Amino acid sequence: MSTQHPVRTAVVTGASSGIGAATARALAAAGYRVICAARRSDRIEALAAEIDGIAVTCDVTADSSVAELVSVVGDRLDVLVNNAGGAYGSDPVAGADLAGWQQMFEVNVLGVVRVSKALLPALRASGEALIVNIGSTAGRTAYAGGGGYAAAKHGLHAVSQTLRLELNGEPIRISEIAPGMVHTEEFSLVRFGDQDKADAVYADVDSPLVAADVAEAVRWIATLPRHVNVDELVLRPVAQAAQHQLHRGPIFDR
């Protein structure tokens, strides 16, 4: 008699747009039942219907909201993608909007800790689980005007490293993906609150990364053999040699 294996399940936070939505689609295409978690119910409900997944309205900064996510997940979870995050403003440290800084820490750091802590029992029950934290190259190198976001993503980087140390000896892989410039419809618009300023970020950049590029990296990590851990994966477009060096102008033949 053949033994039926349970359907592998993944949770993607921040799944309402951008990298989160692309990751949910990529994991669904790889055979996962995807639980799409985000604050905007209408968006994740449409996405869940598209990929035959499950929508859970979830704010990663609220204990009660994360508790609801845990109840939907149930006893077993195979993959957790901590994608919910964001940057707010570009003020210098001397003029820091502390409310914006606090919001970035709440989402990018404490939100990841809250969700990971809450879902750890279900991940342990998998027997071969994976946590993927979506960081940023801002978590590796600081830059002027990015103090709050860089500090938060450095914090996420430290959380990822610490969790890997603390779970060593358990069958749970911990990966962090750190993208550079990714052109999504909302990231820079949310950060600057102005469409012209958002568009200027990507002006004349030949082929910045897109959400699907990061999603493909998540899918690749999730489908590696269970003994292979990708500790850190840094992704940048060819046009971006470093956080502080970006080529604007043509690179590729058309």
Protein backbone atom coordinates (compact mmCIF):
# COMPACT_ATOMS: atom_id res chain seq x y z
CA MET A 1 0.00 0.00 0.00
CA SER A 2 1.42 3.42 -0.98
CA THR A 3 1.81 6.11 1.62
CA GLN A 4 0.30 9.44 0.69
CA HIS A 5 2.42 12.43 1.59
CA PRO A 6 0.58 15.53 2.82
CA VAL A 7 0.41 18.50 0.50
CA ARG A 8 3.30 20.82 1.26
CA THR A 9 2.15 24.15 2.63
CA ALA A 10 3.77 27.59 2.49
CA VAL A 11 2.93 30.90 4.14
CA VAL A 12 3.89 34.12 2.38
CA THR A 13 3.46 37.37 4.32
CA GLY A 14 3.06 40.65 2.51
CA ALA A 15 1.46 38.70 -0.33
CA SER A 16 -0.84 41.45 -1.57
CA SER A 17 1.61 42.85 -4.15
CA GLY A 18 5.17 42.90 -5.45
CA ILE A 19 7.61 40.24 -4.30
CA GLY A 20 5.06 38.63 -1.98
CA ALA A 21 2.44 38.11 -4.67
CA ALA A 22 5.06 36.86 -7.15
CA THR A 23 6.42 34.44 -4.53
CA ALA A 24 2.96 33.07 -3.79
CA ARG A 25 2.48 32.39 -7.51
CA ALA A 26 5.91 30.77 -7.85
CA LEU A 27 5.43 28.45 -4.88
CA ALA A 28 1.94 27.50 -6.04
CA ALA A 29 3.37 26.61 -9.45
CA ALA A 30 5.94 24.44 -7.64
CA GLY A 31 3.13 22.45 -6.01
CA TYR A 32 2.69 24.19 -2.67
CA ARG A 33 -0.62 25.06 -1.10
CA VAL A 34 0.03 28.72 -0.39
CA ILE A 35 -1.47 30.71 2.45
CA CYS A 36 -1.41 34.33 1.31
CA ALA A 37 -1.17 36.68 4.28
CA ALA A 38 -1.44 40.47 4.09
CA ARG A 39 -3.49 43.38 5.35
CA ARG A 40 -5.38 44.09 2.12
CA SER A 41 -8.08 41.44 2.05
CA ASP A 42 -9.37 42.13 -1.44
CA ARG A 43 -5.98 41.64 -3.03
CA ILE A 44 -5.05 38.42 -1.29
CA GLU A 45 -8.50 36.98 -1.84
CA ALA A 46 -8.10 37.57 -5.58
CA LEU A 47 -4.60 36.07 -5.50
CA ALA A 48 -5.71 33.03 -3.50
CA ALA A 49 -8.52 32.41 -5.97
CA GLU A 50 -6.02 32.63 -8.84
CA ILE A 51 -3.55 30.12 -7.38
CA ASP A 52 -6.01 27.90 -5.48
CA GLY A 53 -4.56 29.09 -2.19
CA ILE A 54 -5.92 30.47 1.06
CA ALA A 55 -6.23 34.14 1.98
CA VAL A 56 -5.67 35.31 5.54
CA THR A 57 -5.97 38.97 6.44
CA CYS A 58 -2.94 39.53 8.63
CA ASP A 59 -1.03 42.46 10.11
CA VAL A 60 2.36 41.15 11.23
CA THR A 61 2.64 43.93 13.81
CA ALA A 62 -0.42 42.68 15.75
CA ASP A 63 -0.38 39.64 18.04
CA SER A 64 -4.08 38.90 17.56
CA SER A 65 -3.76 39.03 13.78
CA VAL A 66 -0.81 36.65 13.77
CA ALA A 67 -2.71 34.33 16.11
CA GLU A 68 -5.45 34.12 13.48
CA LEU A 69 -2.82 33.18 10.87
CA VAL A 70 -1.55 30.42 13.17
CA SER A 71 -5.06 29.01 13.55
CA VAL A 72 -5.48 28.83 9.77
CA VAL A 73 -2.08 27.19 9.24
CA GLY A 74 -2.83 24.40 11.68
CA ASP A 75 -0.40 21.85 13.04
CA ARG A 76 2.11 21.64 10.18
CA LEU A 77 3.91 24.13 7.92
CA ASP A 78 6.71 23.46 5.45
CA VAL A 79 7.79 26.90 4.23
CA LEU A 80 7.52 30.36 5.76
CA VAL A 81 8.44 33.36 3.62
CA ASN A 82 8.75 36.46 5.79
CA ASN A 83 8.28 39.05 3.07
CA ALA A 84 6.17 41.75 4.76
CA GLY A 85 8.29 44.86 5.10
CA GLY A 86 8.83 48.30 3.68
CA ALA A 87 10.70 51.58 3.72
CA TYR A 88 9.14 54.86 4.81
CA GLY A 89 10.83 58.15 3.99
CA SER A 90 14.42 59.10 3.22
CA ASP A 91 15.16 61.64 5.94
CA PRO A 92 18.70 61.96 7.33
CA VAL A 93 19.45 60.81 10.85
CA ALA A 94 19.66 64.43 12.04
CA GLY A 95 16.08 64.99 10.90
CA ALA A 96 14.75 61.50 11.53
CA ASP A 97 11.01 60.94 11.65
CA LEU A 98 11.06 58.57 14.60
CA ALA A 99 7.52 57.40 13.94
CA GLY A 100 8.64 56.22 10.49
CA TRP A 101 11.71 54.54 11.96
CA GLN A 102 9.55 52.78 14.55
CA GLN A 103 7.17 51.59 11.84
CA MET A 104 10.07 50.14 9.85
CA PHE A 105 11.33 48.24 12.89
CA GLU A 106 7.83 47.02 13.74
CA VAL A 107 7.33 45.51 10.28
CA ASN A 108 10.81 44.52 9.11
CA VAL A 109 12.17 43.19 12.40
CA LEU A 110 9.54 42.61 15.06
CA GLY A 111 7.00 41.41 12.51
CA VAL A 112 9.42 38.74 11.31
CA VAL A 113 10.15 37.69 14.89
CA ARG A 114 6.45 37.62 15.79
CA VAL A 115 5.44 35.47 12.82
CA SER A 116 8.44 33.13 13.04
CA LYS A 117 7.96 32.58 16.78
CA ALA A 118 4.25 31.89 16.37
CA LEU A 119 4.66 29.44 13.48
CA LEU A 120 7.75 27.64 14.78
CA PRO A 121 5.77 24.73 16.31
CA ALA A 122 4.11 24.05 12.94
CA LEU A 123 7.46 24.33 11.16
CA ARG A 124 9.02 21.88 13.60
CA ALA A 125 6.18 19.44 12.87
CA SER A 126 7.14 19.43 9.18
CA GLY A 127 10.37 17.54 9.77
CA GLU A 128 12.08 19.43 6.94
CA ALA A 129 10.98 23.05 7.08
CA LEU A 130 12.33 26.26 5.56
CA ILE A 131 12.17 29.89 6.64
CA VAL A 132 13.07 32.48 3.99
CA ASN A 133 13.48 36.05 5.18
CA ILE A 134 13.35 38.73 2.49
CA GLY A 135 16.02 41.22 3.47
CA SER A 136 17.80 43.82 1.37
CA THR A 137 21.25 44.93 0.31
CA ALA A 138 20.42 47.85 2.65
CA GLY A 139 20.94 45.26 5.38
CA ARG A 140 24.55 44.92 4.28
CA THR A 141 25.60 48.50 3.41
CA ALA A 142 24.33 51.81 4.77
CA TYR A 143 23.64 54.79 2.53
CA ALA A 144 22.76 58.44 3.07
CA GLY A 145 19.05 58.96 3.46
CA GLY A 146 18.44 55.31 4.20
CA GLY A 147 19.34 55.15 7.88
CA GLY A 148 16.02 53.88 9.18
CA TYR A 149 15.51 51.26 6.48
CA ALA A 150 19.16 50.14 6.58
CA ALA A 151 19.04 49.82 10.36
CA ALA A 152 15.85 47.75 10.16
CA LYS A 153 17.20 45.44 7.47
CA HIS A 154 20.49 45.08 9.36
CA GLY A 155 18.28 44.02 12.27
CA LEU A 156 16.53 41.44 10.10
CA HIS A 157 19.93 40.15 8.99
CA ALA A 158 20.93 39.69 12.64
CA VAL A 159 17.64 37.90 13.39
CA SER A 160 18.23 35.51 10.48
CA GLN A 161 21.74 34.68 11.65
CA THR A 162 20.66 34.23 15.25
CA LEU A 163 17.74 31.98 14.36
CA ARG A 164 20.04 29.76 12.30
CA LEU A 165 22.37 29.39 15.28
CA GLU A 166 19.57 28.72 17.75
CA LEU A 167 17.87 26.12 15.55
CA ASN A 168 21.07 24.34 14.61
CA GLY A 169 20.51 20.60 15.02
CA GLU A 170 16.84 20.82 14.02
CA PRO A 171 15.59 20.05 10.49
CA ILE A 172 14.78 23.70 9.71
CA ARG A 173 16.67 25.67 7.08
CA ILE A 174 17.05 29.44 7.49
CA SER A 175 17.73 31.50 4.37
CA GLU A 176 17.89 35.22 3.78
CA ILE A 177 17.50 36.75 0.33
CA ALA A 178 18.90 40.28 0.03
CA PRO A 179 17.78 41.98 -3.20
CA GLY A 180 19.21 45.22 -4.49
CA MET A 181 17.14 47.42 -6.79
CA VAL A 182 13.80 45.77 -7.51
CA HIS A 183 11.26 47.67 -9.58
CA THR A 184 7.82 46.99 -8.15
CA GLU A 185 4.67 49.04 -8.43
CA GLU A 186 4.55 50.13 -4.81
CA PHE A 187 7.87 50.03 -2.92
CA SER A 188 9.28 53.44 -3.88
CA LEU A 189 5.84 55.03 -4.10
CA VAL A 190 5.14 54.05 -0.49
CA ARG A 191 8.58 55.25 0.54
CA PHE A 192 8.42 58.69 -1.06
CA GLY A 193 4.68 59.24 -1.32
CA ASP A 194 5.14 60.82 -4.73
CA GLN A 195 4.93 59.14 -8.12
CA ASP A 196 7.54 61.37 -9.79
CA LYS A 197 10.06 60.71 -7.02
CA ALA A 198 9.30 57.00 -7.18
CA ASP A 199 9.79 56.91 -10.95
CA ALA A 200 13.09 58.81 -10.66
CA VAL A 201 14.58 55.95 -8.65
CA TYR A 202 14.46 53.68 -11.71
CA ALA A 203 14.94 56.30 -14.43
CA ASP A 204 17.30 55.15 -17.21
CA VAL A 205 18.26 51.97 -15.35
CA ASP A 206 18.60 49.17 -17.88
CA SER A 207 16.62 46.19 -16.54
CA PRO A 208 16.32 46.50 -12.77
CA LEU A 209 15.23 43.36 -10.97
CA VAL A 210 11.50 42.64 -10.90
CA ALA A 211 9.43 40.80 -8.32
CA ALA A 212 9.48 37.57 -10.32
CA ASP A 213 13.29 37.45 -10.10
CA VAL A 214 13.20 37.36 -6.31
CA ALA A 215 10.28 34.93 -6.36
CA GLU A 216 12.29 32.57 -8.54
CA ALA A 217 15.11 32.66 -5.98
CA VAL A 218 12.64 31.69 -3.24
CA ARG A 219 11.26 28.85 -5.37
CA TRP A 220 14.79 27.59 -6.10
CA ILE A 221 15.75 27.54 -2.44
CA ALA A 222 12.49 25.82 -1.50
CA THR A 223 13.06 23.04 -4.03
CA LEU A 224 16.66 22.26 -3.10
CA PRO A 225 17.38 19.00 -1.24
CA ARG A 226 16.47 19.24 2.42
CA HIS A 227 20.11 19.08 3.57
CA VAL A 228 21.16 22.13 1.50
CA ASN A 229 20.91 25.49 3.27
CA VAL A 230 21.42 28.74 1.35
CA ASP A 231 22.43 30.97 4.22
CA GLU A 232 22.40 34.22 2.25
CA LEU A 233 21.64 35.10 -1.36
CA VAL A 234 22.35 38.62 -2.63
CA LEU A 235 20.64 39.61 -5.88
CA ARG A 236 21.32 42.78 -7.87
CA PRO A 237 20.64 43.91 -11.41
CA VAL A 238 23.72 44.11 -13.62
CA ALA A 239 23.35 47.90 -13.59
CA GLN A 240 23.90 48.02 -9.82
CA ALA A 241 27.48 47.15 -8.95
CA ALA A 242 27.04 48.16 -5.31
CA GLN A 243 24.63 49.99 -3.07
CA HIS A 244 26.34 53.28 -3.94
CA GLN A 245 27.14 52.60 -7.60
CA LEU A 246 24.33 52.43 -10.16
CA HIS A 247 24.73 52.78 -13.92
CA ARG A 248 22.03 54.79 -15.64
CA GLY A 249 21.96 54.24 -19.37
CA PRO A 250 21.91 51.36 -21.84
CA ILE A 251 23.78 48.14 -21.13
CA PHE A 252 22.16 45.42 -23.17
CA ASP A 253 21.77 45.24 -26.93
CA ARG A 254 18.17 45.61 -27.94
